[in-house]
Amino acid sequence: MLTTTQKHRDFISEPMGDKAVTALSGIGEILGKKLQQQGFDKAYVVLGQFLLLRKDTELFAEWLKDTSGATSRQAESCTLCLKEWCDAFL
């Protein structure tokens, strides 16, 4: 199990609004650019994909790895961030 970062805690503590994709835990500048090139420029667009995959954390992590080249750790961090945000706000 990952320990959460300050970035993760900041993200899940408030509504998502119009945050950049790089606001998501596990998504830095390099992965953010790869996602932006594929149209996933905002955190809410990535959330949309998570919801389309029915909040299936394993499926979403695989999608993120396939789409952006994320490592397992990065994908797990982002997935946990979105899951906890959904638990808090949906």
PDB file of N, CA and C in Angstrom:
ATOM      1  N   MET A   1       0.852  -1.194   0.000  1.00  0.00           N
ATOM      2  CA  MET A   1       0.000   0.000   0.000  1.00  0.00           C
ATOM      3  C   MET A   1       0.890   1.247   0.000  1.00  0.00           C
ATOM      4  N   LEU A   2       0.509   2.174  -0.821  1.00  0.00           N
ATOM      5  CA  LEU A   2       1.261   3.430  -0.905  1.00  0.00           C
ATOM      6  C   LEU A   2       0.948   4.340   0.269  1.00  0.00           C
ATOM      7  N   THR A   3       1.928   5.093   0.666  1.00  0.00           N
ATOM      8  CA  THR A   3       1.639   6.167   1.608  1.00  0.00           C
ATOM      9  C   THR A   3       1.257   7.370   0.757  1.00  0.00           C
ATOM     10  N   THR A   4       0.335   8.157   1.238  1.00  0.00           N
ATOM     11  CA  THR A   4      -0.127   9.287   0.438  1.00  0.00           C
ATOM     12  C   THR A   4       0.826  10.466   0.585  1.00  0.00           C
ATOM     13  N   THR A   5       0.931  11.206  -0.484  1.00  0.00           N
ATOM     14  CA  THR A   5       1.786  12.388  -0.515  1.00  0.00           C
ATOM     15  C   THR A   5       0.956  13.629  -0.173  1.00  0.00           C
ATOM     16  N   GLN A   6       1.643  14.726   0.029  1.00  0.00           N
ATOM     17  CA  GLN A   6       0.941  15.989   0.260  1.00  0.00           C
ATOM     18  C   GLN A   6       0.107  16.337  -0.969  1.00  0.00           C
ATOM     19  N   LYS A   7       0.647  16.058  -2.150  1.00  0.00           N
ATOM     20  CA  LYS A   7      -0.091  16.322  -3.395  1.00  0.00           C
ATOM     21  C   LYS A   7      -1.411  15.550  -3.395  1.00  0.00           C
ATOM     22  N   HIS A   8      -1.364  14.296  -2.975  1.00  0.00           N
ATOM     23  CA  HIS A   8      -2.563  13.457  -2.895  1.00  0.00           C
ATOM     24  C   HIS A   8      -3.555  14.051  -1.892  1.00  0.00           C
ATOM     25  N   ARG A   9      -3.065  14.367  -0.702  1.00  0.00           N
ATOM     26  CA  ARG A   9      -3.956  14.910   0.334  1.00  0.00           C
ATOM     27  C   ARG A   9      -4.573  16.235  -0.104  1.00  0.00           C
ATOM     28  N   ASP A  10      -3.789  17.076  -0.769  1.00  0.00           N
ATOM     29  CA  ASP A  10      -4.326  18.354  -1.267  1.00  0.00           C
ATOM     30  C   ASP A  10      -5.418  18.113  -2.301  1.00  0.00           C
ATOM     31  N   PHE A  11      -5.189  17.155  -3.206  1.00  0.00           N
ATOM     32  CA  PHE A  11      -6.150  16.908  -4.278  1.00  0.00           C
ATOM     33  C   PHE A  11      -7.487  16.426  -3.736  1.00  0.00           C
ATOM     34  N   ILE A  12      -7.446  15.468  -2.802  1.00  0.00           N
ATOM     35  CA  ILE A  12      -8.713  14.898  -2.328  1.00  0.00           C
ATOM     36  C   ILE A  12      -9.413  15.749  -1.273  1.00  0.00           C
ATOM     37  N   SER A  13      -8.786  16.847  -0.880  1.00  0.00           N
ATOM     38  CA  SER A  13      -9.374  17.671   0.178  1.00  0.00           C
ATOM     39  C   SER A  13     -10.360  18.715  -0.339  1.00  0.00           C
ATOM     40  N   GLU A  14     -10.481  18.842  -1.655  1.00  0.00           N
ATOM     41  CA  GLU A  14     -11.359  19.888  -2.194  1.00  0.00           C
ATOM     42  C   GLU A  14     -11.927  19.477  -3.544  1.00  0.00           C
ATOM     43  N   PRO A  15     -12.972  20.168  -4.001  1.00  0.00           N
ATOM     44  CA  PRO A  15     -13.516  19.877  -5.327  1.00  0.00           C
ATOM     45  C   PRO A  15     -12.435  20.005  -6.409  1.00  0.00           C
ATOM     46  N   MET A  16     -12.589  19.239  -7.463  1.00  0.00           N
ATOM     47  CA  MET A  16     -11.585  19.157  -8.520  1.00  0.00           C
ATOM     48  C   MET A  16     -11.506  20.425  -9.358  1.00  0.00           C
ATOM     49  N   GLY A  17     -12.642  20.999  -9.642  1.00  0.00           N
ATOM     50  CA  GLY A  17     -12.651  22.205 -10.464  1.00  0.00           C
ATOM     51  C   GLY A  17     -11.964  21.989 -11.796  1.00  0.00           C
ATOM     52  N   ASP A  18     -11.113  22.910 -12.156  1.00  0.00           N
ATOM     53  CA  ASP A  18     -10.458  22.923 -13.459  1.00  0.00           C
ATOM     54  C   ASP A  18      -8.966  22.590 -13.348  1.00  0.00           C
ATOM     55  N   LYS A  19      -8.610  21.753 -12.375  1.00  0.00           N
ATOM     56  CA  LYS A  19      -7.196  21.445 -12.128  1.00  0.00           C
ATOM     57  C   LYS A  19      -6.560  20.738 -13.326  1.00  0.00           C
ATOM     58  N   ALA A  20      -5.285  21.026 -13.523  1.00  0.00           N
ATOM     59  CA  ALA A  20      -4.520  20.370 -14.579  1.00  0.00           C
ATOM     60  C   ALA A  20      -4.347  18.890 -14.243  1.00  0.00           C
ATOM     61  N   VAL A  21      -4.096  18.090 -15.257  1.00  0.00           N
ATOM     62  CA  VAL A  21      -3.890  16.657 -15.060  1.00  0.00           C
ATOM     63  C   VAL A  21      -2.718  16.405 -14.110  1.00  0.00           C
ATOM     64  N   THR A  22      -1.749  17.294 -14.093  1.00  0.00           N
ATOM     65  CA  THR A  22      -0.579  17.119 -13.228  1.00  0.00           C
ATOM     66  C   THR A  22      -0.898  17.353 -11.747  1.00  0.00           C
ATOM     67  N   ALA A  23      -2.105  17.805 -11.434  1.00  0.00           N
ATOM     68  CA  ALA A  23      -2.511  17.939 -10.031  1.00  0.00           C
ATOM     69  C   ALA A  23      -2.792  16.577  -9.407  1.00  0.00           C
ATOM     70  N   LEU A  24      -3.015  15.565 -10.252  1.00  0.00           N
ATOM     71  CA  LEU A  24      -3.273  14.216  -9.757  1.00  0.00           C
ATOM     72  C   LEU A  24      -2.010  13.604  -9.175  1.00  0.00           C
ATOM     73  N   SER A  25      -2.160  12.924  -8.077  1.00  0.00           N
ATOM     74  CA  SER A  25      -1.045  12.216  -7.468  1.00  0.00           C
ATOM     75  C   SER A  25      -0.521  11.170  -8.453  1.00  0.00           C
ATOM     76  N   GLY A  26       0.785  11.092  -8.569  1.00  0.00           N
ATOM     77  CA  GLY A  26       1.397  10.124  -9.478  1.00  0.00           C
ATOM     78  C   GLY A  26       1.631  10.649 -10.880  1.00  0.00           C
ATOM     79  N   ILE A  27       1.050  11.813 -11.208  1.00  0.00           N
ATOM     80  CA  ILE A  27       1.192  12.376 -12.553  1.00  0.00           C
ATOM     81  C   ILE A  27       2.080  13.608 -12.473  1.00  0.00           C
ATOM     82  N   GLY A  28       3.290  13.455 -12.956  1.00  0.00           N
ATOM     83  CA  GLY A  28       4.227  14.566 -12.992  1.00  0.00           C
ATOM     84  C   GLY A  28       4.225  15.223 -14.361  1.00  0.00           C
ATOM     85  N   GLU A  29       5.252  16.009 -14.602  1.00  0.00           N
ATOM     86  CA  GLU A  29       5.325  16.763 -15.851  1.00  0.00           C
ATOM     87  C   GLU A  29       5.391  15.863 -17.091  1.00  0.00           C
ATOM     88  N   ILE A  30       6.213  14.826 -17.054  1.00  0.00           N
ATOM     89  CA  ILE A  30       6.401  13.958 -18.227  1.00  0.00           C
ATOM     90  C   ILE A  30       5.126  13.187 -18.544  1.00  0.00           C
ATOM     91  N   LEU A  31       4.542  12.527 -17.544  1.00  0.00           N
ATOM     92  CA  LEU A  31       3.290  11.794 -17.785  1.00  0.00           C
ATOM     93  C   LEU A  31       2.177  12.762 -18.153  1.00  0.00           C
ATOM     94  N   GLY A  32       2.181  13.921 -17.512  1.00  0.00           N
ATOM     95  CA  GLY A  32       1.173  14.930 -17.820  1.00  0.00           C
ATOM     96  C   GLY A  32       1.210  15.326 -19.288  1.00  0.00           C
ATOM     97  N   LYS A  33       2.409  15.523 -19.827  1.00  0.00           N
ATOM     98  CA  LYS A  33       2.540  15.879 -21.250  1.00  0.00           C
ATOM     99  C   LYS A  33       2.021  14.758 -22.147  1.00  0.00           C
ATOM    100  N   LYS A  34       2.351  13.517 -21.790  1.00  0.00           N
ATOM    101  CA  LYS A  34       1.875  12.376 -22.588  1.00  0.00           C
ATOM    102  C   LYS A  34       0.353  12.297 -22.572  1.00  0.00           C
ATOM    103  N   LEU A  35      -0.239  12.519 -21.408  1.00  0.00           N
ATOM    104  CA  LEU A  35      -1.703  12.498 -21.315  1.00  0.00           C
ATOM    105  C   LEU A  35      -2.320  13.675 -22.068  1.00  0.00           C
ATOM    106  N   GLN A  36      -1.711  14.859 -21.946  1.00  0.00           N
ATOM    107  CA  GLN A  36      -2.224  16.039 -22.652  1.00  0.00           C
ATOM    108  C   GLN A  36      -2.226  15.819 -24.155  1.00  0.00           C
ATOM    109  N   GLN A  37      -1.186  15.174 -24.667  1.00  0.00           N
ATOM    110  CA  GLN A  37      -1.104  14.915 -26.110  1.00  0.00           C
ATOM    111  C   GLN A  37      -2.233  14.014 -26.583  1.00  0.00           C
ATOM    112  N   GLN A  38      -2.810  13.247 -25.664  1.00  0.00           N
ATOM    113  CA  GLN A  38      -3.915  12.355 -26.020  1.00  0.00           C
ATOM    114  C   GLN A  38      -5.270  12.928 -25.629  1.00  0.00           C
ATOM    115  N   GLY A  39      -5.281  14.207 -25.239  1.00  0.00           N
ATOM    116  CA  GLY A  39      -6.541  14.879 -24.941  1.00  0.00           C
ATOM    117  C   GLY A  39      -6.940  14.874 -23.477  1.00  0.00           C
ATOM    118  N   PHE A  40      -6.110  14.307 -22.619  1.00  0.00           N
ATOM    119  CA  PHE A  40      -6.411  14.249 -21.189  1.00  0.00           C
ATOM    120  C   PHE A  40      -5.651  15.358 -20.476  1.00  0.00           C
ATOM    121  N   ASP A  41      -6.086  16.595 -20.718  1.00  0.00           N
ATOM    122  CA  ASP A  41      -5.359  17.762 -20.211  1.00  0.00           C
ATOM    123  C   ASP A  41      -5.790  18.205 -18.816  1.00  0.00           C
ATOM    124  N   LYS A  42      -6.947  17.794 -18.383  1.00  0.00           N
ATOM    125  CA  LYS A  42      -7.481  18.207 -17.088  1.00  0.00           C
ATOM    126  C   LYS A  42      -7.740  16.976 -16.226  1.00  0.00           C
ATOM    127  N   ALA A  43      -7.659  17.183 -14.913  1.00  0.00           N
ATOM    128  CA  ALA A  43      -7.917  16.076 -13.988  1.00  0.00           C
ATOM    129  C   ALA A  43      -9.320  15.513 -14.183  1.00  0.00           C
ATOM    130  N   TYR A  44     -10.294  16.380 -14.465  1.00  0.00           N
ATOM    131  CA  TYR A  44     -11.662  15.893 -14.630  1.00  0.00           C
ATOM    132  C   TYR A  44     -11.827  15.025 -15.872  1.00  0.00           C
ATOM    133  N   VAL A  45     -10.988  15.198 -16.889  1.00  0.00           N
ATOM    134  CA  VAL A  45     -11.058  14.351 -18.083  1.00  0.00           C
ATOM    135  C   VAL A  45     -10.553  12.944 -17.730  1.00  0.00           C
ATOM    136  N   VAL A  46      -9.496  12.883 -16.924  1.00  0.00           N
ATOM    137  CA  VAL A  46      -8.980  11.592 -16.451  1.00  0.00           C
ATOM    138  C   VAL A  46     -10.009  10.944 -15.531  1.00  0.00           C
ATOM    139  N   LEU A  47     -10.653  11.747 -14.685  1.00  0.00           N
ATOM    140  CA  LEU A  47     -11.728  11.228 -13.839  1.00  0.00           C
ATOM    141  C   LEU A  47     -12.829  10.622 -14.706  1.00  0.00           C
ATOM    142  N   GLY A  48     -13.158  11.268 -15.805  1.00  0.00           N
ATOM    143  CA  GLY A  48     -14.175  10.741 -16.722  1.00  0.00           C
ATOM    144  C   GLY A  48     -13.820   9.346 -17.204  1.00  0.00           C
ATOM    145  N   GLN A  49     -12.554   9.122 -17.532  1.00  0.00           N
ATOM    146  CA  GLN A  49     -12.114   7.800 -17.962  1.00  0.00           C
ATOM    147  C   GLN A  49     -12.250   6.798 -16.813  1.00  0.00           C
ATOM    148  N   PHE A  50     -11.880   7.231 -15.610  1.00  0.00           N
ATOM    149  CA  PHE A  50     -12.016   6.378 -14.427  1.00  0.00           C
ATOM    150  C   PHE A  50     -13.480   5.966 -14.244  1.00  0.00           C
ATOM    151  N   LEU A  51     -14.386   6.920 -14.429  1.00  0.00           N
ATOM    152  CA  LEU A  51     -15.814   6.627 -14.284  1.00  0.00           C
ATOM    153  C   LEU A  51     -16.330   5.750 -15.424  1.00  0.00           C
ATOM    154  N   LEU A  52     -15.839   5.989 -16.641  1.00  0.00           N
ATOM    155  CA  LEU A  52     -16.233   5.131 -17.767  1.00  0.00           C
ATOM    156  C   LEU A  52     -15.826   3.683 -17.528  1.00  0.00           C
ATOM    157  N   LEU A  53     -14.721   3.505 -16.836  1.00  0.00           N
ATOM    158  CA  LEU A  53     -14.255   2.158 -16.497  1.00  0.00           C
ATOM    159  C   LEU A  53     -14.883   1.657 -15.196  1.00  0.00           C
ATOM    160  N   ARG A  54     -15.966   2.316 -14.790  1.00  0.00           N
ATOM    161  CA  ARG A  54     -16.790   1.924 -13.650  1.00  0.00           C
ATOM    162  C   ARG A  54     -16.022   1.870 -12.337  1.00  0.00           C
ATOM    163  N   LYS A  55     -15.055   2.790 -12.193  1.00  0.00           N
ATOM    164  CA  LYS A  55     -14.234   2.894 -10.995  1.00  0.00           C
ATOM    165  C   LYS A  55     -13.489   1.590 -10.689  1.00  0.00           C
ATOM    166  N   ASP A  56     -13.240   0.798 -11.732  1.00  0.00           N
ATOM    167  CA  ASP A  56     -12.472  -0.443 -11.599  1.00  0.00           C
ATOM    168  C   ASP A  56     -10.997  -0.055 -11.511  1.00  0.00           C
ATOM    169  N   THR A  57     -10.432  -0.154 -10.325  1.00  0.00           N
ATOM    170  CA  THR A  57      -9.083   0.359 -10.102  1.00  0.00           C
ATOM    171  C   THR A  57      -8.023  -0.387 -10.910  1.00  0.00           C
ATOM    172  N   GLU A  58      -8.166  -1.695 -11.045  1.00  0.00           N
ATOM    173  CA  GLU A  58      -7.180  -2.461 -11.817  1.00  0.00           C
ATOM    174  C   GLU A  58      -7.250  -2.115 -13.292  1.00  0.00           C
ATOM    175  N   LEU A  59      -8.455  -2.018 -13.822  1.00  0.00           N
ATOM    176  CA  LEU A  59      -8.635  -1.681 -15.236  1.00  0.00           C
ATOM    177  C   LEU A  59      -8.125  -0.271 -15.524  1.00  0.00           C
ATOM    178  N   PHE A  60      -8.421   0.665 -14.623  1.00  0.00           N
ATOM    179  CA  PHE A  60      -7.964   2.033 -14.811  1.00  0.00           C
ATOM    180  C   PHE A  60      -6.437   2.117 -14.754  1.00  0.00           C
ATOM    181  N   ALA A  61      -5.831   1.419 -13.802  1.00  0.00           N
ATOM    182  CA  ALA A  61      -4.367   1.430 -13.694  1.00  0.00           C
ATOM    183  C   ALA A  61      -3.736   0.892 -14.974  1.00  0.00           C
ATOM    184  N   GLU A  62      -4.311  -0.169 -15.540  1.00  0.00           N
ATOM    185  CA  GLU A  62      -3.791  -0.711 -16.805  1.00  0.00           C
ATOM    186  C   GLU A  62      -3.969   0.289 -17.939  1.00  0.00           C
ATOM    187  N   TRP A  63      -5.132   0.955 -17.975  1.00  0.00           N
ATOM    188  CA  TRP A  63      -5.373   1.967 -19.001  1.00  0.00           C
ATOM    189  C   TRP A  63      -4.336   3.078 -18.895  1.00  0.00           C
ATOM    190  N   LEU A  64      -4.071   3.540 -17.676  1.00  0.00           N
ATOM    191  CA  LEU A  64      -3.119   4.631 -17.473  1.00  0.00           C
ATOM    192  C   LEU A  64      -1.712   4.211 -17.907  1.00  0.00           C
ATOM    193  N   LYS A  65      -1.329   2.993 -17.583  1.00  0.00           N
ATOM    194  CA  LYS A  65      -0.007   2.501 -17.998  1.00  0.00           C
ATOM    195  C   LYS A  65       0.080   2.428 -19.521  1.00  0.00           C
ATOM    196  N   ASP A  66      -0.966   1.901 -20.147  1.00  0.00           N
ATOM    197  CA  ASP A  66      -0.986   1.777 -21.611  1.00  0.00           C
ATOM    198  C   ASP A  66      -1.009   3.134 -22.300  1.00  0.00           C
ATOM    199  N   THR A  67      -1.747   4.084 -21.734  1.00  0.00           N
ATOM    200  CA  THR A  67      -1.936   5.385 -22.349  1.00  0.00           C
ATOM    201  C   THR A  67      -0.731   6.304 -22.195  1.00  0.00           C
ATOM    202  N   SER A  68      -0.133   6.279 -21.005  1.00  0.00           N
ATOM    203  CA  SER A  68       0.909   7.266 -20.718  1.00  0.00           C
ATOM    204  C   SER A  68       2.288   6.675 -20.446  1.00  0.00           C
ATOM    205  N   GLY A  69       2.354   5.359 -20.322  1.00  0.00           N
ATOM    206  CA  GLY A  69       3.622   4.744 -19.961  1.00  0.00           C
ATOM    207  C   GLY A  69       3.920   4.847 -18.475  1.00  0.00           C
ATOM    208  N   ALA A  70       2.892   5.097 -17.675  1.00  0.00           N
ATOM    209  CA  ALA A  70       3.072   5.202 -16.223  1.00  0.00           C
ATOM    210  C   ALA A  70       3.609   3.894 -15.661  1.00  0.00           C
ATOM    211  N   THR A  71       4.407   3.999 -14.619  1.00  0.00           N
ATOM    212  CA  THR A  71       4.856   2.804 -13.906  1.00  0.00           C
ATOM    213  C   THR A  71       3.697   2.287 -13.057  1.00  0.00           C
ATOM    214  N   SER A  72       3.840   1.095 -12.538  1.00  0.00           N
ATOM    215  CA  SER A  72       2.793   0.543 -11.660  1.00  0.00           C
ATOM    216  C   SER A  72       2.582   1.434 -10.450  1.00  0.00           C
ATOM    217  N   ARG A  73       3.662   1.948  -9.885  1.00  0.00           N
ATOM    218  CA  ARG A  73       3.563   2.815  -8.701  1.00  0.00           C
ATOM    219  C   ARG A  73       2.837   4.125  -9.037  1.00  0.00           C
ATOM    220  N   GLN A  74       3.164   4.723 -10.170  1.00  0.00           N
ATOM    221  CA  GLN A  74       2.490   5.968 -10.576  1.00  0.00           C
ATOM    222  C   GLN A  74       1.012   5.709 -10.831  1.00  0.00           C
ATOM    223  N   ALA A  75       0.715   4.611 -11.524  1.00  0.00           N
ATOM    224  CA  ALA A  75      -0.681   4.283 -11.829  1.00  0.00           C
ATOM    225  C   ALA A  75      -1.466   4.009 -10.544  1.00  0.00           C
ATOM    226  N   GLU A  76      -0.838   3.304  -9.597  1.00  0.00           N
ATOM    227  CA  GLU A  76      -1.500   3.015  -8.326  1.00  0.00           C
ATOM    228  C   GLU A  76      -1.773   4.299  -7.548  1.00  0.00           C
ATOM    229  N   SER A  77      -0.827   5.203  -7.560  1.00  0.00           N
ATOM    230  CA  SER A  77      -0.974   6.476  -6.860  1.00  0.00           C
ATOM    231  C   SER A  77      -2.125   7.296  -7.446  1.00  0.00           C
ATOM    232  N   CYS A  78      -2.177   7.396  -8.762  1.00  0.00           N
ATOM    233  CA  CYS A  78      -3.239   8.150  -9.433  1.00  0.00           C
ATOM    234  C   CYS A  78      -4.599   7.494  -9.198  1.00  0.00           C
ATOM    235  N   THR A  79      -4.645   6.178  -9.295  1.00  0.00           N
ATOM    236  CA  THR A  79      -5.893   5.446  -9.094  1.00  0.00           C
ATOM    237  C   THR A  79      -6.431   5.649  -7.688  1.00  0.00           C
ATOM    238  N   LEU A  80      -5.555   5.548  -6.694  1.00  0.00           N
ATOM    239  CA  LEU A  80      -5.963   5.756  -5.313  1.00  0.00           C
ATOM    240  C   LEU A  80      -6.470   7.179  -5.101  1.00  0.00           C
ATOM    241  N   CYS A  81      -5.803   8.128  -5.712  1.00  0.00           N
ATOM    242  CA  CYS A  81      -6.195   9.532  -5.613  1.00  0.00           C
ATOM    243  C   CYS A  81      -7.623   9.722  -6.155  1.00  0.00           C
ATOM    244  N   LEU A  82      -7.886   9.192  -7.342  1.00  0.00           N
ATOM    245  CA  LEU A  82      -9.221   9.339  -7.935  1.00  0.00           C
ATOM    246  C   LEU A  82     -10.283   8.582  -7.130  1.00  0.00           C
ATOM    247  N   LYS A  83      -9.942   7.388  -6.666  1.00  0.00           N
ATOM    248  CA  LYS A  83     -10.904   6.608  -5.878  1.00  0.00           C
ATOM    249  C   LYS A  83     -11.278   7.362  -4.609  1.00  0.00           C
ATOM    250  N   GLU A  84     -10.282   7.886  -3.902  1.00  0.00           N
ATOM    251  CA  GLU A  84     -10.574   8.603  -2.662  1.00  0.00           C
ATOM    252  C   GLU A  84     -11.325   9.908  -2.935  1.00  0.00           C
ATOM    253  N   TRP A  85     -11.010  10.571  -4.056  1.00  0.00           N
ATOM    254  CA  TRP A  85     -11.742  11.791  -4.404  1.00  0.00           C
ATOM    255  C   TRP A  85     -13.217  11.439  -4.650  1.00  0.00           C
ATOM    256  N   CYS A  86     -13.461  10.354  -5.394  1.00  0.00           N
ATOM    257  CA  CYS A  86     -14.843   9.925  -5.666  1.00  0.00           C
ATOM    258  C   CYS A  86     -15.576   9.578  -4.366  1.00  0.00           C
ATOM    259  N   ASP A  87     -14.879   8.876  -3.472  1.00  0.00           N
ATOM    260  CA  ASP A  87     -15.500   8.521  -2.188  1.00  0.00           C
ATOM    261  C   ASP A  87     -15.904   9.768  -1.412  1.00  0.00           C
ATOM    262  N   ALA A  88     -15.121  10.824  -1.533  1.00  0.00           N
ATOM    263  CA  ALA A  88     -15.396  12.049  -0.782  1.00  0.00           C
ATOM    264  C   ALA A  88     -16.448  12.936  -1.450  1.00  0.00           C
ATOM    265  N   PHE A  89     -16.487  12.960  -2.790  1.00  0.00           N
ATOM    266  CA  PHE A  89     -17.302  13.954  -3.478  1.00  0.00           C
ATOM    267  C   PHE A  89     -18.445  13.413  -4.334  1.00  0.00           C
ATOM    268  N   LEU A  90     -18.495  12.117  -4.585  1.00  0.00           N
ATOM    269  CA  LEU A  90     -19.589  11.601  -5.425  1.00  0.00           C
ATOM    270  C   LEU A  90     -20.599  10.838  -4.590  1.00  0.00           C
TER     271      LEU A  90
END
